[in-house]
Amino acid sequence: METVVIATTETKKESQNRPGLYELTEGKPDALVIHCSDPRFQSAFHDFLHDELIIKMPAVIAVPGSVGSFGVQSFLPKNWYTLKNQIEFMAKHNNFPRVILINHDDCKGYAQIAHLFRGAKSLVSEQRKHLFALAGFIQKEFLSGARFELYQAKIVNNGDKEYVNFERVV
């Protein structure tokens, strides 16, 4: 099989006219982002990061339940081990100025582990607690100089459609 290398200085618009070619973005990531992999929220996460937070090149870790595995690490150590290793790898190879952690309403990943929160008053309060705890861990262990931003993605109704609104957790 022959490999063909295309060397060109065509514009982004021109390359979009070539099926199967997608622009490679070079540069330095400007934020480590951890959010859920729920397909319903992906467009909202992307747009929020780029349009509202002005993050040009996020390094994203998307897993079911977002930061939930940190909160139940004694019950599900393999899940926590995987997320921790991903964070460690990313931090080792990048000096992120920002870390963005996002949980969301109606999270199926969190719903699956909710029974492990003995006496939890509400799932959202546990999600917020886990956001703060994971932020503290990442700051202490890997990225002491980073600025941390924590969000809860809320589902809101507007007429006959549902939308996502991002609430800063403080």
C-alpha atoms as a PDB file:
ATOM      1  CA  MET A   1       0.000   0.000   0.000  1.00  0.00           C
ATOM      2  CA  GLU A   2       1.393   3.383  -0.994  1.00  0.00           C
ATOM      3  CA  THR A   3       1.314   6.340   1.408  1.00  0.00           C
ATOM      4  CA  VAL A   4       0.553   9.717  -0.081  1.00  0.00           C
ATOM      5  CA  VAL A   5       1.721  12.829   1.748  1.00  0.00           C
ATOM      6  CA  ILE A   6      -0.027  16.060   0.913  1.00  0.00           C
ATOM      7  CA  ALA A   7       2.110  19.145   1.538  1.00  0.00           C
ATOM      8  CA  THR A   8       0.123  22.301   1.107  1.00  0.00           C
ATOM      9  CA  THR A   9      -0.580  25.729   2.523  1.00  0.00           C
ATOM     10  CA  GLU A  10      -4.298  25.631   1.869  1.00  0.00           C
ATOM     11  CA  THR A  11      -6.676  27.477   4.162  1.00  0.00           C
ATOM     12  CA  LYS A  12      -9.005  25.800   6.633  1.00  0.00           C
ATOM     13  CA  LYS A  13     -11.949  26.434   4.331  1.00  0.00           C
ATOM     14  CA  GLU A  14     -10.112  24.803   1.421  1.00  0.00           C
ATOM     15  CA  SER A  15      -9.181  21.719   3.485  1.00  0.00           C
ATOM     16  CA  GLN A  16     -12.817  21.296   4.513  1.00  0.00           C
ATOM     17  CA  ASN A  17     -13.623  20.699   0.869  1.00  0.00           C
ATOM     18  CA  ARG A  18     -11.394  17.604   0.897  1.00  0.00           C
ATOM     19  CA  PRO A  19     -13.294  14.630   2.344  1.00  0.00           C
ATOM     20  CA  GLY A  20     -11.472  12.807   5.131  1.00  0.00           C
ATOM     21  CA  LEU A  21      -9.100  15.668   6.000  1.00  0.00           C
ATOM     22  CA  TYR A  22      -9.413  17.337   9.379  1.00  0.00           C
ATOM     23  CA  GLU A  23      -7.288  20.117  10.745  1.00  0.00           C
ATOM     24  CA  LEU A  24      -4.658  19.179  13.344  1.00  0.00           C
ATOM     25  CA  THR A  25      -4.381  21.770  16.083  1.00  0.00           C
ATOM     26  CA  GLU A  26      -0.884  22.336  17.367  1.00  0.00           C
ATOM     27  CA  GLY A  27      -0.095  24.268  20.523  1.00  0.00           C
ATOM     28  CA  LYS A  28      -0.158  24.171  24.261  1.00  0.00           C
ATOM     29  CA  PRO A  29      -3.343  23.071  26.069  1.00  0.00           C
ATOM     30  CA  ASP A  30      -4.788  25.900  28.140  1.00  0.00           C
ATOM     31  CA  ALA A  31      -6.891  23.790  30.533  1.00  0.00           C
ATOM     32  CA  LEU A  32      -7.356  20.296  31.913  1.00  0.00           C
ATOM     33  CA  VAL A  33     -11.073  19.513  31.770  1.00  0.00           C
ATOM     34  CA  ILE A  34     -12.851  16.601  33.412  1.00  0.00           C
ATOM     35  CA  HIS A  35     -16.506  16.050  32.602  1.00  0.00           C
ATOM     36  CA  CYS A  36     -18.981  13.246  32.030  1.00  0.00           C
ATOM     37  CA  SER A  37     -19.120  11.289  28.785  1.00  0.00           C
ATOM     38  CA  ASP A  38     -22.941  11.493  28.594  1.00  0.00           C
ATOM     39  CA  PRO A  39     -23.656  12.104  24.880  1.00  0.00           C
ATOM     40  CA  ARG A  40     -26.573  14.445  25.661  1.00  0.00           C
ATOM     41  CA  PHE A  41     -24.181  17.020  27.139  1.00  0.00           C
ATOM     42  CA  GLN A  42     -21.212  16.919  24.733  1.00  0.00           C
ATOM     43  CA  SER A  43     -22.236  19.850  22.540  1.00  0.00           C
ATOM     44  CA  ALA A  44     -23.069  21.952  25.608  1.00  0.00           C
ATOM     45  CA  PHE A  45     -19.708  21.108  27.242  1.00  0.00           C
ATOM     46  CA  HIS A  46     -17.835  21.975  24.043  1.00  0.00           C
ATOM     47  CA  ASP A  47     -19.652  25.258  23.508  1.00  0.00           C
ATOM     48  CA  PHE A  48     -19.371  26.279  27.176  1.00  0.00           C
ATOM     49  CA  LEU A  49     -15.625  25.644  27.232  1.00  0.00           C
ATOM     50  CA  HIS A  50     -14.941  27.479  23.986  1.00  0.00           C
ATOM     51  CA  ASP A  51     -17.534  30.259  23.992  1.00  0.00           C
ATOM     52  CA  GLU A  52     -17.990  31.115  27.668  1.00  0.00           C
ATOM     53  CA  LEU A  53     -14.711  30.087  29.318  1.00  0.00           C
ATOM     54  CA  ILE A  54     -12.639  31.004  26.226  1.00  0.00           C
ATOM     55  CA  ILE A  55     -10.616  27.797  26.362  1.00  0.00           C
ATOM     56  CA  LYS A  56      -8.962  27.377  22.985  1.00  0.00           C
ATOM     57  CA  MET A  57      -7.292  23.996  23.442  1.00  0.00           C
ATOM     58  CA  PRO A  58      -8.730  21.905  26.287  1.00  0.00           C
ATOM     59  CA  ALA A  59      -7.212  18.586  27.312  1.00  0.00           C
ATOM     60  CA  VAL A  60     -10.402  16.652  28.079  1.00  0.00           C
ATOM     61  CA  ILE A  61     -10.930  13.576  30.196  1.00  0.00           C
ATOM     62  CA  ALA A  62     -14.522  12.431  29.647  1.00  0.00           C
ATOM     63  CA  VAL A  63     -15.710   9.513  31.760  1.00  0.00           C
ATOM     64  CA  PRO A  64     -19.119   8.282  32.912  1.00  0.00           C
ATOM     65  CA  GLY A  65     -19.984  10.050  36.135  1.00  0.00           C
ATOM     66  CA  SER A  66     -17.271  12.687  35.695  1.00  0.00           C
ATOM     67  CA  VAL A  67     -15.555  12.979  39.105  1.00  0.00           C
ATOM     68  CA  GLY A  68     -17.774  10.356  40.746  1.00  0.00           C
ATOM     69  CA  SER A  69     -15.081   7.685  40.900  1.00  0.00           C
ATOM     70  CA  PHE A  70     -13.082   9.940  43.247  1.00  0.00           C
ATOM     71  CA  GLY A  71     -16.029  10.037  45.640  1.00  0.00           C
ATOM     72  CA  VAL A  72     -16.401   6.255  45.787  1.00  0.00           C
ATOM     73  CA  GLN A  73     -12.782   5.205  45.447  1.00  0.00           C
ATOM     74  CA  SER A  74     -12.932   2.845  48.421  1.00  0.00           C
ATOM     75  CA  PHE A  75     -15.880   1.007  46.820  1.00  0.00           C
ATOM     76  CA  LEU A  76     -14.703   1.101  43.184  1.00  0.00           C
ATOM     77  CA  PRO A  77     -10.904   1.390  43.332  1.00  0.00           C
ATOM     78  CA  LYS A  78     -10.350   0.385  39.686  1.00  0.00           C
ATOM     79  CA  ASN A  79     -12.477   3.286  38.442  1.00  0.00           C
ATOM     80  CA  TRP A  80     -10.566   5.727  40.651  1.00  0.00           C
ATOM     81  CA  TYR A  81      -7.214   4.217  39.650  1.00  0.00           C
ATOM     82  CA  THR A  82      -8.035   4.765  35.968  1.00  0.00           C
ATOM     83  CA  LEU A  83      -9.109   8.395  36.420  1.00  0.00           C
ATOM     84  CA  LYS A  84      -6.158   9.157  38.702  1.00  0.00           C
ATOM     85  CA  ASN A  85      -3.711   7.734  36.161  1.00  0.00           C
ATOM     86  CA  GLN A  86      -5.258   9.801  33.381  1.00  0.00           C
ATOM     87  CA  ILE A  87      -4.959  12.967  35.482  1.00  0.00           C
ATOM     88  CA  GLU A  88      -1.378  12.126  36.451  1.00  0.00           C
ATOM     89  CA  PHE A  89      -0.390  11.473  32.823  1.00  0.00           C
ATOM     90  CA  MET A  90      -1.929  14.728  31.607  1.00  0.00           C
ATOM     91  CA  ALA A  91      -0.368  16.761  34.425  1.00  0.00           C
ATOM     92  CA  LYS A  92       3.039  15.182  33.879  1.00  0.00           C
ATOM     93  CA  HIS A  93       3.108  16.269  30.239  1.00  0.00           C
ATOM     94  CA  ASN A  94       1.426  19.676  30.597  1.00  0.00           C
ATOM     95  CA  ASN A  95       1.595  22.585  33.010  1.00  0.00           C
ATOM     96  CA  PHE A  96      -2.078  23.541  32.911  1.00  0.00           C
ATOM     97  CA  PRO A  97      -2.923  27.064  34.060  1.00  0.00           C
ATOM     98  CA  ARG A  98      -6.566  26.048  34.613  1.00  0.00           C
ATOM     99  CA  VAL A  99      -8.442  22.947  35.723  1.00  0.00           C
ATOM    100  CA  ILE A 100     -12.160  22.750  34.944  1.00  0.00           C
ATOM    101  CA  LEU A 101     -14.278  20.097  36.687  1.00  0.00           C
ATOM    102  CA  ILE A 102     -17.904  19.664  35.621  1.00  0.00           C
ATOM    103  CA  ASN A 103     -20.704  17.468  36.954  1.00  0.00           C
ATOM    104  CA  HIS A 104     -24.255  17.549  35.612  1.00  0.00           C
ATOM    105  CA  ASP A 105     -27.884  16.978  36.522  1.00  0.00           C
ATOM    106  CA  ASP A 106     -29.500  13.649  35.680  1.00  0.00           C
ATOM    107  CA  CYS A 107     -26.131  11.889  35.518  1.00  0.00           C
ATOM    108  CA  LYS A 108     -26.556   8.179  34.826  1.00  0.00           C
ATOM    109  CA  GLY A 109     -22.993   7.497  36.040  1.00  0.00           C
ATOM    110  CA  TYR A 110     -23.787   9.055  39.409  1.00  0.00           C
ATOM    111  CA  ALA A 111     -27.182   7.348  39.537  1.00  0.00           C
ATOM    112  CA  GLN A 112     -25.400   4.003  39.202  1.00  0.00           C
ATOM    113  CA  ILE A 113     -23.239   4.672  42.286  1.00  0.00           C
ATOM    114  CA  ALA A 114     -25.787   6.633  44.383  1.00  0.00           C
ATOM    115  CA  HIS A 115     -26.437   3.659  46.657  1.00  0.00           C
ATOM    116  CA  LEU A 116     -22.844   4.011  47.908  1.00  0.00           C
ATOM    117  CA  PHE A 117     -23.546   7.434  49.445  1.00  0.00           C
ATOM    118  CA  ARG A 118     -24.865   6.310  52.787  1.00  0.00           C
ATOM    119  CA  GLY A 119     -27.162   8.939  54.213  1.00  0.00           C
ATOM    120  CA  ALA A 120     -26.594  11.380  51.367  1.00  0.00           C
ATOM    121  CA  LYS A 121     -29.233  14.106  51.457  1.00  0.00           C
ATOM    122  CA  SER A 122     -29.109  14.665  47.738  1.00  0.00           C
ATOM    123  CA  LEU A 123     -27.136  13.494  44.775  1.00  0.00           C
ATOM    124  CA  VAL A 124     -26.300  17.080  43.761  1.00  0.00           C
ATOM    125  CA  SER A 125     -24.785  17.790  47.193  1.00  0.00           C
ATOM    126  CA  GLU A 126     -22.586  14.688  46.796  1.00  0.00           C
ATOM    127  CA  GLN A 127     -21.576  15.793  43.310  1.00  0.00           C
ATOM    128  CA  ARG A 128     -20.533  19.201  44.649  1.00  0.00           C
ATOM    129  CA  LYS A 129     -18.635  17.627  47.532  1.00  0.00           C
ATOM    130  CA  HIS A 130     -16.745  15.421  45.076  1.00  0.00           C
ATOM    131  CA  LEU A 131     -15.908  18.408  42.845  1.00  0.00           C
ATOM    132  CA  PHE A 132     -14.256  20.198  45.780  1.00  0.00           C
ATOM    133  CA  ALA A 133     -12.491  17.077  47.034  1.00  0.00           C
ATOM    134  CA  LEU A 134     -11.059  16.144  43.637  1.00  0.00           C
ATOM    135  CA  ALA A 135      -9.959  19.740  43.005  1.00  0.00           C
ATOM    136  CA  GLY A 136      -8.081  19.696  46.312  1.00  0.00           C
ATOM    137  CA  PHE A 137      -6.454  16.373  45.460  1.00  0.00           C
ATOM    138  CA  ILE A 138      -5.334  17.469  41.985  1.00  0.00           C
ATOM    139  CA  GLN A 139      -3.978  20.739  43.354  1.00  0.00           C
ATOM    140  CA  LYS A 140      -2.047  19.016  46.122  1.00  0.00           C
ATOM    141  CA  GLU A 141      -0.699  16.101  44.074  1.00  0.00           C
ATOM    142  CA  PHE A 142      -0.230  17.369  40.526  1.00  0.00           C
ATOM    143  CA  LEU A 143      -1.029  20.987  39.653  1.00  0.00           C
ATOM    144  CA  SER A 144      -0.366  23.274  42.599  1.00  0.00           C
ATOM    145  CA  GLY A 145      -0.146  26.402  40.448  1.00  0.00           C
ATOM    146  CA  ALA A 146      -3.381  25.918  38.505  1.00  0.00           C
ATOM    147  CA  ARG A 147      -6.599  27.893  38.915  1.00  0.00           C
ATOM    148  CA  PHE A 148      -9.563  25.599  39.624  1.00  0.00           C
ATOM    149  CA  GLU A 149     -13.096  26.168  38.339  1.00  0.00           C
ATOM    150  CA  LEU A 150     -15.948  23.889  39.370  1.00  0.00           C
ATOM    151  CA  TYR A 151     -19.335  23.723  37.643  1.00  0.00           C
ATOM    152  CA  GLN A 152     -22.667  21.942  37.868  1.00  0.00           C
ATOM    153  CA  ALA A 153     -24.423  21.686  34.500  1.00  0.00           C
ATOM    154  CA  LYS A 154     -28.118  22.220  35.150  1.00  0.00           C
ATOM    155  CA  ILE A 155     -30.919  21.092  32.853  1.00  0.00           C
ATOM    156  CA  VAL A 156     -33.356  23.940  32.325  1.00  0.00           C
ATOM    157  CA  ASN A 157     -36.655  24.050  30.437  1.00  0.00           C
ATOM    158  CA  ASN A 158     -37.352  26.893  28.085  1.00  0.00           C
ATOM    159  CA  GLY A 159     -40.720  26.387  26.496  1.00  0.00           C
ATOM    160  CA  ASP A 160     -40.896  22.929  24.978  1.00  0.00           C
ATOM    161  CA  LYS A 161     -37.111  22.383  24.861  1.00  0.00           C
ATOM    162  CA  GLU A 162     -34.451  21.510  27.398  1.00  0.00           C
ATOM    163  CA  TYR A 163     -31.159  23.375  27.593  1.00  0.00           C
ATOM    164  CA  VAL A 164     -28.036  23.258  29.720  1.00  0.00           C
ATOM    165  CA  ASN A 165     -26.975  26.086  32.018  1.00  0.00           C
ATOM    166  CA  PHE A 166     -23.619  26.013  33.817  1.00  0.00           C
ATOM    167  CA  GLU A 167     -23.657  27.072  37.453  1.00  0.00           C
ATOM    168  CA  ARG A 168     -20.350  27.912  39.106  1.00  0.00           C
ATOM    169  CA  VAL A 169     -19.895  25.918  42.317  1.00  0.00           C
ATOM    170  CA  VAL A 170     -18.330  27.983  45.081  1.00  0.00           C
END
